[in-house]
């Protein structure tokens, strides 16, 4: 499995936290779930961190079967719709977004 994460490094403008979450839930999550081949979409909103750690307001994780499935998703029209709608989210956010791709090694928890 392949996991692509979008790390929103920075802060949500003060007083806009709920609007940020609502925008993500109402406008972006449905698009992210529509990416071809996506197996899972997880949105993590920051609640705490270690002292001195970098600030990440949110992390988006999407899971695909393999790198080929991820490549198809990144070439799809849904990606460009998502990028356009993300501009509205960035009006409530100060920082930058960077993406990382990981190979997921799942192990059962007993």
N, C-alpha and C. Protein backbone atom coordinates (compact mmCIF):
# COMPACT_ATOMS: atom_id res chain seq x y z
N UNK A 1 0.85 -1.17 0.00
CA UNK A 1 0.00 0.00 0.00
C UNK A 1 0.90 1.25 0.00
N UNK A 2 0.39 2.28 -0.63
CA UNK A 2 1.12 3.55 -0.73
C UNK A 2 0.29 4.64 -0.04
N UNK A 3 0.94 5.43 0.78
CA UNK A 3 0.28 6.53 1.49
C UNK A 3 0.89 7.84 1.01
N UNK A 4 0.04 8.74 0.56
CA UNK A 4 0.49 10.08 0.20
C UNK A 4 -0.07 11.03 1.25
N UNK A 5 0.81 11.81 1.83
CA UNK A 5 0.39 12.76 2.86
C UNK A 5 0.65 14.19 2.42
N UNK A 6 -0.33 15.02 2.68
CA UNK A 6 -0.18 16.46 2.49
C UNK A 6 -0.08 17.06 3.88
N UNK A 7 1.06 17.65 4.18
CA UNK A 7 1.29 18.23 5.49
C UNK A 7 1.09 19.74 5.41
N UNK A 8 0.13 20.22 6.14
CA UNK A 8 -0.17 21.65 6.20
C UNK A 8 0.64 22.24 7.34
N UNK A 9 1.86 22.66 7.01
CA UNK A 9 2.77 23.19 8.02
C UNK A 9 2.50 24.68 8.17
N UNK A 10 2.01 25.06 9.34
CA UNK A 10 1.67 26.45 9.60
C UNK A 10 0.46 26.53 10.50
N UNK A 11 -0.18 27.69 10.47
CA UNK A 11 -1.30 27.92 11.39
C UNK A 11 -2.56 28.33 10.63
N UNK A 12 -3.68 28.01 11.23
CA UNK A 12 -4.97 28.50 10.75
C UNK A 12 -5.13 29.89 11.34
N UNK A 13 -5.62 30.82 10.54
CA UNK A 13 -5.82 32.17 11.05
C UNK A 13 -6.71 32.14 12.29
N UNK A 14 -6.32 32.84 13.35
CA UNK A 14 -7.11 32.85 14.59
C UNK A 14 -8.57 33.21 14.32
N UNK A 15 -9.44 32.44 14.93
CA UNK A 15 -10.87 32.64 14.78
C UNK A 15 -11.46 31.94 13.56
N UNK A 16 -10.62 31.33 12.74
CA UNK A 16 -11.08 30.66 11.51
C UNK A 16 -11.02 29.13 11.62
N UNK A 17 -10.69 28.64 12.79
CA UNK A 17 -10.48 27.20 12.95
C UNK A 17 -11.70 26.37 12.54
N UNK A 18 -12.89 26.75 13.01
CA UNK A 18 -14.08 25.97 12.67
C UNK A 18 -14.43 26.12 11.19
N UNK A 19 -14.27 27.31 10.66
CA UNK A 19 -14.53 27.51 9.23
C UNK A 19 -13.57 26.66 8.39
N UNK A 20 -12.32 26.55 8.82
CA UNK A 20 -11.32 25.72 8.15
C UNK A 20 -11.78 24.27 8.15
N UNK A 21 -12.16 23.76 9.31
CA UNK A 21 -12.61 22.36 9.41
C UNK A 21 -13.86 22.12 8.57
N UNK A 22 -14.81 23.05 8.64
CA UNK A 22 -16.04 22.90 7.86
C UNK A 22 -15.75 22.88 6.37
N UNK A 23 -14.86 23.74 5.93
CA UNK A 23 -14.49 23.80 4.51
C UNK A 23 -13.88 22.47 4.06
N UNK A 24 -13.00 21.94 4.87
CA UNK A 24 -12.38 20.66 4.56
C UNK A 24 -13.45 19.58 4.45
N UNK A 25 -14.30 19.49 5.47
CA UNK A 25 -15.30 18.42 5.53
C UNK A 25 -16.34 18.53 4.42
N UNK A 26 -16.81 19.73 4.16
CA UNK A 26 -17.91 19.92 3.21
C UNK A 26 -17.46 19.97 1.75
N UNK A 27 -16.32 20.58 1.50
CA UNK A 27 -15.91 20.81 0.12
C UNK A 27 -14.79 19.88 -0.36
N UNK A 28 -13.81 19.64 0.50
CA UNK A 28 -12.62 18.91 0.03
C UNK A 28 -12.69 17.41 0.24
N UNK A 29 -13.18 16.96 1.38
CA UNK A 29 -13.22 15.51 1.62
C UNK A 29 -13.99 14.78 0.52
N UNK A 30 -15.16 15.29 0.08
CA UNK A 30 -15.84 14.57 -1.01
C UNK A 30 -14.99 14.46 -2.29
N UNK A 31 -14.23 15.49 -2.59
CA UNK A 31 -13.34 15.40 -3.76
C UNK A 31 -12.21 14.41 -3.52
N UNK A 32 -11.60 14.48 -2.35
CA UNK A 32 -10.50 13.56 -2.06
C UNK A 32 -10.98 12.11 -2.11
N UNK A 33 -12.21 11.87 -1.68
CA UNK A 33 -12.77 10.51 -1.73
C UNK A 33 -13.09 10.08 -3.16
N UNK A 34 -13.19 11.04 -4.07
CA UNK A 34 -13.51 10.75 -5.47
C UNK A 34 -12.27 10.48 -6.32
N UNK A 35 -11.07 10.62 -5.76
CA UNK A 35 -9.86 10.32 -6.54
C UNK A 35 -9.93 8.87 -6.99
N UNK A 36 -9.65 8.60 -8.26
CA UNK A 36 -9.69 7.21 -8.72
C UNK A 36 -8.67 6.36 -7.97
N UNK A 37 -9.13 5.20 -7.51
CA UNK A 37 -8.24 4.25 -6.85
C UNK A 37 -7.95 4.52 -5.39
N UNK A 38 -8.46 5.60 -4.83
CA UNK A 38 -8.18 5.88 -3.42
C UNK A 38 -8.88 4.82 -2.56
N UNK A 39 -8.16 4.27 -1.61
CA UNK A 39 -8.71 3.26 -0.70
C UNK A 39 -9.21 3.87 0.59
N UNK A 40 -8.52 4.92 1.02
CA UNK A 40 -8.87 5.53 2.31
C UNK A 40 -8.42 6.98 2.31
N UNK A 41 -9.23 7.83 2.94
CA UNK A 41 -8.89 9.23 3.12
C UNK A 41 -8.99 9.51 4.62
N UNK A 42 -7.93 10.05 5.17
CA UNK A 42 -7.92 10.44 6.59
C UNK A 42 -7.47 11.88 6.70
N UNK A 43 -8.20 12.64 7.50
CA UNK A 43 -7.85 14.02 7.77
C UNK A 43 -7.56 14.14 9.26
N UNK A 44 -6.36 14.60 9.57
CA UNK A 44 -5.95 14.75 10.96
C UNK A 44 -5.80 16.24 11.28
N UNK A 45 -6.57 16.71 12.25
CA UNK A 45 -6.47 18.10 12.68
C UNK A 45 -5.64 18.13 13.97
N UNK A 46 -4.68 19.01 14.03
CA UNK A 46 -3.77 19.09 15.17
C UNK A 46 -4.51 19.52 16.44
N UNK A 47 -4.16 18.88 17.54
CA UNK A 47 -4.70 19.28 18.84
C UNK A 47 -3.59 19.57 19.85
N UNK A 48 -2.40 19.03 19.62
CA UNK A 48 -1.30 19.24 20.56
C UNK A 48 -0.01 18.81 19.88
N UNK A 49 1.12 19.19 20.46
CA UNK A 49 2.43 18.77 19.94
C UNK A 49 3.47 18.94 21.04
N UNK A 50 4.61 18.32 20.84
CA UNK A 50 5.72 18.48 21.78
C UNK A 50 6.23 19.92 21.73
N UNK A 51 6.75 20.37 22.84
CA UNK A 51 7.33 21.71 22.88
C UNK A 51 8.46 21.80 21.87
N UNK A 52 8.45 22.84 21.07
CA UNK A 52 9.49 23.06 20.08
C UNK A 52 9.27 22.34 18.76
N UNK A 53 8.25 21.49 18.69
CA UNK A 53 7.98 20.76 17.44
C UNK A 53 7.38 21.72 16.41
N UNK A 54 7.59 21.45 15.13
CA UNK A 54 6.98 22.29 14.10
C UNK A 54 5.46 22.23 14.19
N UNK A 55 4.81 23.26 13.71
CA UNK A 55 3.35 23.36 13.76
C UNK A 55 2.76 22.82 12.47
N UNK A 56 1.94 21.81 12.59
CA UNK A 56 1.18 21.27 11.47
C UNK A 56 -0.30 21.42 11.82
N UNK A 57 -1.00 22.27 11.08
CA UNK A 57 -2.42 22.49 11.35
C UNK A 57 -3.24 21.26 10.98
N UNK A 58 -2.83 20.59 9.90
CA UNK A 58 -3.60 19.46 9.41
C UNK A 58 -2.69 18.55 8.59
N UNK A 59 -3.06 17.28 8.55
CA UNK A 59 -2.40 16.33 7.67
C UNK A 59 -3.49 15.55 6.94
N UNK A 60 -3.36 15.47 5.64
CA UNK A 60 -4.25 14.66 4.81
C UNK A 60 -3.49 13.42 4.39
N UNK A 61 -4.08 12.26 4.65
CA UNK A 61 -3.48 10.99 4.21
C UNK A 61 -4.43 10.30 3.26
N UNK A 62 -3.91 9.91 2.11
CA UNK A 62 -4.69 9.11 1.17
C UNK A 62 -3.92 7.83 0.90
N UNK A 63 -4.64 6.73 0.80
CA UNK A 63 -4.00 5.42 0.65
C UNK A 63 -4.42 4.80 -0.68
N UNK A 64 -3.44 4.25 -1.38
CA UNK A 64 -3.63 3.61 -2.68
C UNK A 64 -3.00 2.22 -2.65
N UNK A 65 -3.44 1.37 -3.57
CA UNK A 65 -2.88 0.01 -3.63
C UNK A 65 -1.39 0.01 -3.97
N UNK A 66 -1.00 0.90 -4.90
CA UNK A 66 0.39 0.90 -5.34
C UNK A 66 0.71 2.25 -5.99
N UNK A 67 1.94 2.39 -6.42
CA UNK A 67 2.37 3.66 -7.00
C UNK A 67 1.66 3.95 -8.33
N UNK A 68 1.31 2.91 -9.06
CA UNK A 68 0.59 3.11 -10.32
C UNK A 68 -0.79 3.71 -10.04
N UNK A 69 -1.47 3.23 -9.02
CA UNK A 69 -2.78 3.78 -8.65
C UNK A 69 -2.64 5.23 -8.21
N UNK A 70 -1.59 5.54 -7.46
CA UNK A 70 -1.35 6.92 -7.05
C UNK A 70 -1.11 7.79 -8.28
N UNK A 71 -0.32 7.31 -9.22
CA UNK A 71 -0.03 8.09 -10.43
C UNK A 71 -1.32 8.38 -11.21
N UNK A 72 -2.21 7.40 -11.30
CA UNK A 72 -3.48 7.62 -12.00
C UNK A 72 -4.31 8.68 -11.27
N UNK A 73 -4.32 8.63 -9.96
CA UNK A 73 -5.07 9.61 -9.18
C UNK A 73 -4.52 11.01 -9.39
N UNK A 74 -3.20 11.13 -9.42
CA UNK A 74 -2.57 12.45 -9.56
C UNK A 74 -2.74 13.02 -10.97
N UNK A 75 -3.06 12.17 -11.93
CA UNK A 75 -3.29 12.63 -13.30
C UNK A 75 -4.76 12.89 -13.59
N UNK A 76 -5.63 12.61 -12.63
CA UNK A 76 -7.07 12.70 -12.88
C UNK A 76 -7.59 14.14 -12.79
N UNK A 77 -8.69 14.42 -13.46
CA UNK A 77 -9.31 15.75 -13.38
C UNK A 77 -9.72 16.13 -11.95
N UNK A 78 -10.01 15.13 -11.12
CA UNK A 78 -10.40 15.41 -9.73
C UNK A 78 -9.28 16.14 -9.00
N UNK A 79 -8.05 15.80 -9.30
CA UNK A 79 -6.92 16.46 -8.64
C UNK A 79 -6.94 17.96 -8.93
N UNK A 80 -7.22 18.32 -10.15
CA UNK A 80 -7.21 19.74 -10.51
C UNK A 80 -8.40 20.47 -9.90
N UNK A 81 -9.53 19.79 -9.78
CA UNK A 81 -10.68 20.38 -9.05
C UNK A 81 -10.29 20.61 -7.59
N UNK A 82 -9.65 19.63 -7.02
CA UNK A 82 -9.23 19.71 -5.61
C UNK A 82 -8.26 20.86 -5.41
N UNK A 83 -7.31 21.00 -6.30
CA UNK A 83 -6.32 22.09 -6.19
C UNK A 83 -7.01 23.45 -6.25
N UNK A 84 -7.99 23.57 -7.13
CA UNK A 84 -8.71 24.83 -7.26
C UNK A 84 -9.49 25.15 -5.98
N UNK A 85 -10.19 24.16 -5.43
CA UNK A 85 -10.95 24.39 -4.20
C UNK A 85 -10.05 24.63 -3.00
N UNK A 86 -8.86 24.06 -3.03
CA UNK A 86 -7.93 24.26 -1.92
C UNK A 86 -7.53 25.73 -1.78
N UNK A 87 -7.63 26.48 -2.85
CA UNK A 87 -7.32 27.92 -2.77
C UNK A 87 -8.19 28.62 -1.73
N UNK A 88 -9.46 28.22 -1.61
CA UNK A 88 -10.33 28.79 -0.59
C UNK A 88 -9.88 28.44 0.81
N UNK A 89 -9.35 27.25 0.98
CA UNK A 89 -8.83 26.83 2.27
C UNK A 89 -7.60 27.64 2.65
N UNK A 90 -6.76 27.92 1.66
CA UNK A 90 -5.52 28.65 1.93
C UNK A 90 -5.76 30.09 2.35
N UNK A 91 -6.95 30.61 2.10
CA UNK A 91 -7.29 31.95 2.58
C UNK A 91 -7.42 31.99 4.10
N UNK A 92 -7.55 30.80 4.71
CA UNK A 92 -7.68 30.70 6.17
C UNK A 92 -6.42 30.16 6.83
N UNK A 93 -5.36 30.02 6.07
CA UNK A 93 -4.15 29.31 6.51
C UNK A 93 -2.91 30.11 6.15
N UNK A 94 -1.97 30.12 7.08
CA UNK A 94 -0.67 30.76 6.83
C UNK A 94 0.41 29.70 7.00
N UNK A 95 1.11 29.42 5.92
CA UNK A 95 2.15 28.41 5.96
C UNK A 95 2.33 27.83 4.58
N UNK A 96 2.75 26.60 4.53
CA UNK A 96 2.89 25.94 3.23
C UNK A 96 2.51 24.47 3.35
N UNK A 97 2.25 23.88 2.21
CA UNK A 97 1.85 22.47 2.14
C UNK A 97 2.95 21.72 1.41
N UNK A 98 3.35 20.60 1.98
CA UNK A 98 4.28 19.74 1.26
C UNK A 98 3.77 18.31 1.32
N UNK A 99 4.13 17.55 0.31
CA UNK A 99 3.63 16.18 0.15
C UNK A 99 4.77 15.17 0.32
N UNK A 100 4.41 14.06 0.91
CA UNK A 100 5.34 12.96 1.10
C UNK A 100 4.62 11.66 0.74
N UNK A 101 5.36 10.71 0.17
CA UNK A 101 4.79 9.42 -0.18
C UNK A 101 5.53 8.35 0.62
N UNK A 102 4.74 7.45 1.22
CA UNK A 102 5.29 6.39 2.06
C UNK A 102 4.76 5.04 1.60
N UNK A 103 5.52 4.01 1.89
CA UNK A 103 5.04 2.65 1.72
C UNK A 103 4.53 2.20 3.06
N UNK A 104 3.29 1.71 3.08
CA UNK A 104 2.66 1.29 4.32
C UNK A 104 2.93 -0.19 4.56
N UNK A 105 3.50 -0.48 5.72
CA UNK A 105 3.72 -1.85 6.13
C UNK A 105 2.78 -2.12 7.29
N UNK A 106 1.67 -2.72 7.01
CA UNK A 106 0.66 -2.98 8.04
C UNK A 106 0.98 -4.28 8.77
N UNK A 107 0.81 -4.22 10.07
CA UNK A 107 1.01 -5.41 10.91
C UNK A 107 -0.19 -5.53 11.82
N UNK A 108 -0.66 -6.74 12.02
CA UNK A 108 -1.82 -6.90 12.90
C UNK A 108 -1.49 -6.50 14.34
N UNK A 109 -2.47 -5.94 15.01
CA UNK A 109 -2.31 -5.60 16.43
C UNK A 109 -3.11 -6.61 17.24
N UNK A 110 -2.40 -7.37 18.02
CA UNK A 110 -3.06 -8.40 18.86
C UNK A 110 -3.03 -7.99 20.30
